[in-house]
């Protein structure tokens, strides 16, 4: 299962504050979960073929190897603290996916 999170920083949250926290806490913690194959965070840089601004500042990509384990992982107190800090800093939408194949 791939989960995509698209988000913008809340007013008053600086890029430096969010990115320092993401690098020091969010990325290593989530990548350390048993259920996660990989967790990556991307900063949007623009729209292809346009001078327009991207609708989201950041995109997270979670490759979840085991959804049952993921539920258990995110239910821990440590992940509750991570989620609370994340939600204090961003306005986020989580999108679950199912891959199409030919």
N, C-alpha and C. Protein backbone atom coordinates (compact mmCIF):
# COMPACT_ATOMS: atom_id res chain seq x y z
N UNK A 1 0.86 -1.18 0.00
CA UNK A 1 0.00 0.00 0.00
C UNK A 1 0.90 1.23 0.00
N UNK A 2 0.61 2.13 -0.92
CA UNK A 2 1.28 3.42 -0.92
C UNK A 2 0.31 4.44 -0.36
N UNK A 3 0.82 5.26 0.56
CA UNK A 3 0.05 6.37 1.11
C UNK A 3 0.79 7.65 0.74
N UNK A 4 0.04 8.60 0.19
CA UNK A 4 0.59 9.90 -0.15
C UNK A 4 -0.02 10.94 0.78
N UNK A 5 0.80 11.81 1.31
CA UNK A 5 0.33 12.92 2.13
C UNK A 5 0.72 14.21 1.42
N UNK A 6 -0.26 15.04 1.13
CA UNK A 6 0.01 16.34 0.52
C UNK A 6 -0.30 17.40 1.57
N UNK A 7 0.60 18.38 1.71
CA UNK A 7 0.35 19.36 2.75
C UNK A 7 1.08 20.67 2.54
N UNK A 8 0.54 21.67 3.26
CA UNK A 8 1.14 22.99 3.35
C UNK A 8 1.40 23.28 4.82
N UNK A 9 2.39 24.10 5.06
CA UNK A 9 2.70 24.50 6.44
C UNK A 9 1.61 25.45 6.94
N UNK A 10 1.29 25.36 8.22
CA UNK A 10 0.34 26.27 8.83
C UNK A 10 0.99 27.65 8.97
N UNK A 11 0.17 28.69 9.01
CA UNK A 11 0.73 30.03 9.24
C UNK A 11 1.57 30.06 10.51
N UNK A 12 2.71 30.71 10.42
CA UNK A 12 3.59 30.83 11.57
C UNK A 12 4.63 29.73 11.67
N UNK A 13 4.51 28.68 10.86
CA UNK A 13 5.49 27.60 10.86
C UNK A 13 6.47 27.87 9.72
N UNK A 14 7.74 27.98 10.05
CA UNK A 14 8.74 28.27 9.02
C UNK A 14 9.21 27.00 8.34
N UNK A 15 9.67 27.17 7.11
CA UNK A 15 10.24 26.06 6.35
C UNK A 15 11.39 25.45 7.14
N UNK A 16 12.24 26.30 7.72
CA UNK A 16 13.39 25.82 8.48
C UNK A 16 12.97 24.97 9.67
N UNK A 17 11.94 25.42 10.40
CA UNK A 17 11.45 24.68 11.56
C UNK A 17 10.92 23.31 11.14
N UNK A 18 10.05 23.30 10.12
CA UNK A 18 9.47 22.03 9.68
C UNK A 18 10.55 21.09 9.15
N UNK A 19 11.41 21.57 8.27
CA UNK A 19 12.39 20.69 7.65
C UNK A 19 13.42 20.17 8.64
N UNK A 20 13.79 20.97 9.64
CA UNK A 20 14.71 20.49 10.68
C UNK A 20 14.05 19.35 11.46
N UNK A 21 12.78 19.52 11.82
CA UNK A 21 12.05 18.48 12.54
C UNK A 21 11.88 17.23 11.68
N UNK A 22 11.53 17.41 10.40
CA UNK A 22 11.34 16.28 9.50
C UNK A 22 12.62 15.45 9.40
N UNK A 23 13.76 16.13 9.24
CA UNK A 23 15.04 15.43 9.08
C UNK A 23 15.52 14.78 10.37
N UNK A 24 15.31 15.45 11.50
CA UNK A 24 15.84 14.93 12.76
C UNK A 24 14.92 13.92 13.45
N UNK A 25 13.62 14.02 13.20
CA UNK A 25 12.66 13.23 13.96
C UNK A 25 11.73 12.39 13.09
N UNK A 26 10.99 13.04 12.20
CA UNK A 26 9.95 12.35 11.44
C UNK A 26 10.53 11.27 10.51
N UNK A 27 11.46 11.64 9.66
CA UNK A 27 12.02 10.67 8.71
C UNK A 27 12.67 9.47 9.40
N UNK A 28 13.57 9.68 10.36
CA UNK A 28 14.19 8.50 10.97
C UNK A 28 13.21 7.64 11.78
N UNK A 29 12.25 8.28 12.45
CA UNK A 29 11.30 7.52 13.26
C UNK A 29 10.39 6.68 12.39
N UNK A 30 9.78 7.29 11.39
CA UNK A 30 8.85 6.55 10.53
C UNK A 30 9.58 5.49 9.73
N UNK A 31 10.78 5.80 9.23
CA UNK A 31 11.54 4.79 8.50
C UNK A 31 11.96 3.63 9.40
N UNK A 32 11.95 3.82 10.71
CA UNK A 32 12.29 2.76 11.65
C UNK A 32 11.14 1.85 12.03
N UNK A 33 9.93 2.18 11.58
CA UNK A 33 8.77 1.34 11.90
C UNK A 33 8.84 0.01 11.15
N UNK A 34 8.42 -1.06 11.82
CA UNK A 34 8.44 -2.39 11.21
C UNK A 34 7.59 -2.45 9.94
N UNK A 35 6.50 -1.68 9.92
CA UNK A 35 5.54 -1.76 8.82
C UNK A 35 5.96 -0.98 7.57
N UNK A 36 6.99 -0.16 7.67
CA UNK A 36 7.34 0.75 6.58
C UNK A 36 8.49 0.20 5.74
N UNK A 37 8.21 0.07 4.45
CA UNK A 37 9.25 -0.30 3.49
C UNK A 37 10.14 0.92 3.23
N UNK A 38 9.50 2.09 3.01
CA UNK A 38 10.25 3.34 2.88
C UNK A 38 9.31 4.52 3.14
N UNK A 39 9.90 5.60 3.62
CA UNK A 39 9.18 6.84 3.88
C UNK A 39 10.04 7.98 3.38
N UNK A 40 9.49 8.77 2.46
CA UNK A 40 10.24 9.86 1.86
C UNK A 40 9.39 11.13 1.88
N UNK A 41 10.07 12.28 2.01
CA UNK A 41 9.41 13.57 2.01
C UNK A 41 10.00 14.40 0.88
N UNK A 42 9.13 15.03 0.10
CA UNK A 42 9.54 15.85 -1.03
C UNK A 42 9.03 17.27 -0.87
N UNK A 43 9.85 18.26 -1.18
CA UNK A 43 9.44 19.66 -1.24
C UNK A 43 9.05 19.94 -2.69
N UNK A 44 7.85 20.46 -2.90
CA UNK A 44 7.41 20.81 -4.25
C UNK A 44 8.22 22.01 -4.75
N UNK A 45 8.61 21.95 -6.02
CA UNK A 45 9.42 23.03 -6.59
C UNK A 45 8.68 23.79 -7.69
N UNK A 46 7.54 23.31 -8.11
CA UNK A 46 6.79 24.00 -9.16
C UNK A 46 5.87 23.06 -9.88
N UNK A 47 5.32 23.56 -11.00
CA UNK A 47 4.44 22.77 -11.86
C UNK A 47 5.12 22.60 -13.20
N UNK A 48 5.20 21.39 -13.66
CA UNK A 48 5.84 21.09 -14.93
C UNK A 48 5.15 21.84 -16.07
N UNK A 49 5.94 22.57 -16.84
CA UNK A 49 5.42 23.30 -17.99
C UNK A 49 4.65 24.56 -17.65
N UNK A 50 4.80 25.03 -16.42
CA UNK A 50 4.04 26.21 -16.00
C UNK A 50 4.88 27.05 -15.05
N UNK A 51 4.57 28.31 -15.00
CA UNK A 51 5.21 29.21 -14.03
C UNK A 51 4.40 29.25 -12.73
N UNK A 52 3.28 28.55 -12.71
CA UNK A 52 2.39 28.55 -11.55
C UNK A 52 3.00 27.86 -10.34
N UNK A 53 2.42 28.17 -9.20
CA UNK A 53 2.86 27.59 -7.94
C UNK A 53 2.12 26.27 -7.70
N UNK A 54 2.84 25.26 -7.21
CA UNK A 54 2.22 23.97 -6.88
C UNK A 54 1.17 24.17 -5.77
N UNK A 55 0.08 23.40 -5.80
CA UNK A 55 -0.96 23.57 -4.78
C UNK A 55 -0.54 23.09 -3.39
N UNK A 56 0.53 22.29 -3.33
CA UNK A 56 1.02 21.80 -2.04
C UNK A 56 2.51 22.08 -1.94
N UNK A 57 2.96 22.39 -0.73
CA UNK A 57 4.38 22.67 -0.50
C UNK A 57 5.19 21.39 -0.36
N UNK A 58 4.57 20.32 0.18
CA UNK A 58 5.28 19.08 0.46
C UNK A 58 4.41 17.88 0.10
N UNK A 59 5.09 16.78 -0.21
CA UNK A 59 4.43 15.50 -0.48
C UNK A 59 5.23 14.42 0.24
N UNK A 60 4.55 13.63 1.05
CA UNK A 60 5.18 12.47 1.69
C UNK A 60 4.72 11.22 0.96
N UNK A 61 5.63 10.25 0.84
CA UNK A 61 5.31 8.97 0.22
C UNK A 61 5.67 7.87 1.21
N UNK A 62 4.65 7.16 1.67
CA UNK A 62 4.85 6.04 2.58
C UNK A 62 4.57 4.74 1.84
N UNK A 63 5.57 3.88 1.78
CA UNK A 63 5.40 2.55 1.20
C UNK A 63 5.20 1.61 2.38
N UNK A 64 3.95 1.22 2.60
CA UNK A 64 3.59 0.41 3.77
C UNK A 64 3.62 -1.07 3.38
N UNK A 65 4.48 -1.83 4.02
CA UNK A 65 4.62 -3.25 3.71
C UNK A 65 3.51 -4.09 4.35
N UNK A 66 2.99 -3.64 5.50
CA UNK A 66 2.00 -4.42 6.25
C UNK A 66 1.03 -3.45 6.92
N UNK A 67 -0.18 -3.34 6.41
CA UNK A 67 -1.15 -2.38 6.95
C UNK A 67 -1.59 -2.72 8.37
N UNK A 68 -1.69 -4.00 8.71
CA UNK A 68 -2.05 -4.36 10.09
C UNK A 68 -0.95 -3.91 11.05
N UNK A 69 0.29 -4.15 10.69
CA UNK A 69 1.41 -3.72 11.52
C UNK A 69 1.47 -2.20 11.58
N UNK A 70 1.16 -1.54 10.46
CA UNK A 70 1.15 -0.08 10.42
C UNK A 70 0.15 0.47 11.44
N UNK A 71 -1.03 -0.13 11.51
CA UNK A 71 -2.02 0.28 12.50
C UNK A 71 -1.47 0.17 13.91
N UNK A 72 -0.76 -0.93 14.19
CA UNK A 72 -0.16 -1.11 15.51
C UNK A 72 0.96 -0.11 15.74
N UNK A 73 1.77 0.12 14.72
CA UNK A 73 2.89 1.06 14.84
C UNK A 73 2.41 2.47 15.15
N UNK A 74 1.39 2.94 14.45
CA UNK A 74 0.95 4.32 14.65
C UNK A 74 0.13 4.50 15.92
N UNK A 75 -0.26 3.40 16.56
CA UNK A 75 -1.02 3.47 17.81
C UNK A 75 -0.14 3.64 19.04
N UNK A 76 1.19 3.62 18.87
CA UNK A 76 2.08 3.75 20.01
C UNK A 76 2.14 5.20 20.51
N UNK A 77 2.53 5.37 21.76
CA UNK A 77 2.65 6.71 22.34
C UNK A 77 3.68 7.55 21.59
N UNK A 78 4.79 6.93 21.19
CA UNK A 78 5.83 7.66 20.47
C UNK A 78 5.31 8.20 19.15
N UNK A 79 4.56 7.38 18.41
CA UNK A 79 4.01 7.84 17.14
C UNK A 79 2.88 8.84 17.36
N UNK A 80 2.19 8.74 18.48
CA UNK A 80 1.17 9.74 18.81
C UNK A 80 1.80 11.12 18.98
N UNK A 81 2.99 11.16 19.59
CA UNK A 81 3.70 12.43 19.76
C UNK A 81 4.16 12.98 18.41
N UNK A 82 4.66 12.10 17.55
CA UNK A 82 5.08 12.51 16.20
C UNK A 82 3.88 13.07 15.44
N UNK A 83 2.77 12.36 15.47
CA UNK A 83 1.58 12.79 14.74
C UNK A 83 1.06 14.13 15.27
N UNK A 84 1.08 14.30 16.58
CA UNK A 84 0.61 15.56 17.17
C UNK A 84 1.48 16.74 16.73
N UNK A 85 2.79 16.55 16.75
CA UNK A 85 3.70 17.62 16.31
C UNK A 85 3.48 17.92 14.83
N UNK A 86 3.36 16.88 14.00
CA UNK A 86 3.11 17.04 12.57
C UNK A 86 1.83 17.84 12.35
N UNK A 87 0.76 17.45 13.03
CA UNK A 87 -0.53 18.13 12.87
C UNK A 87 -0.51 19.56 13.38
N UNK A 88 0.38 19.88 14.32
CA UNK A 88 0.54 21.25 14.79
C UNK A 88 1.17 22.13 13.72
N UNK A 89 1.95 21.52 12.82
CA UNK A 89 2.71 22.29 11.84
C UNK A 89 2.07 22.36 10.46
N UNK A 90 1.19 21.42 10.11
CA UNK A 90 0.72 21.32 8.72
C UNK A 90 -0.79 21.14 8.61
N UNK A 91 -1.29 21.47 7.40
CA UNK A 91 -2.65 21.14 6.97
C UNK A 91 -2.46 20.01 5.96
N UNK A 92 -2.91 18.80 6.29
CA UNK A 92 -2.55 17.62 5.51
C UNK A 92 -3.78 16.85 5.01
N UNK A 93 -3.60 16.21 3.85
CA UNK A 93 -4.55 15.25 3.32
C UNK A 93 -3.78 13.96 3.06
N UNK A 94 -4.26 12.83 3.60
CA UNK A 94 -3.65 11.53 3.38
C UNK A 94 -4.47 10.79 2.31
N UNK A 95 -3.77 10.24 1.33
CA UNK A 95 -4.43 9.53 0.23
C UNK A 95 -3.92 8.10 0.22
N UNK A 96 -4.83 7.13 0.38
CA UNK A 96 -4.45 5.72 0.25
C UNK A 96 -4.63 5.33 -1.21
N UNK A 97 -3.86 4.34 -1.64
CA UNK A 97 -3.87 3.99 -3.07
C UNK A 97 -3.91 2.50 -3.30
N UNK A 98 -4.28 2.16 -4.50
CA UNK A 98 -4.22 0.80 -4.99
C UNK A 98 -3.59 0.88 -6.38
N UNK A 99 -2.52 0.15 -6.59
CA UNK A 99 -1.80 0.23 -7.87
C UNK A 99 -2.54 -0.53 -8.97
N UNK A 100 -2.59 0.08 -10.14
CA UNK A 100 -3.13 -0.59 -11.33
C UNK A 100 -2.01 -1.33 -12.02
N UNK A 101 -2.31 -2.45 -12.56
CA UNK A 101 -1.29 -3.18 -13.32
C UNK A 101 -1.93 -3.72 -14.59
N UNK A 102 -1.10 -3.90 -15.60
CA UNK A 102 -1.59 -4.40 -16.89
C UNK A 102 -1.55 -5.90 -16.93
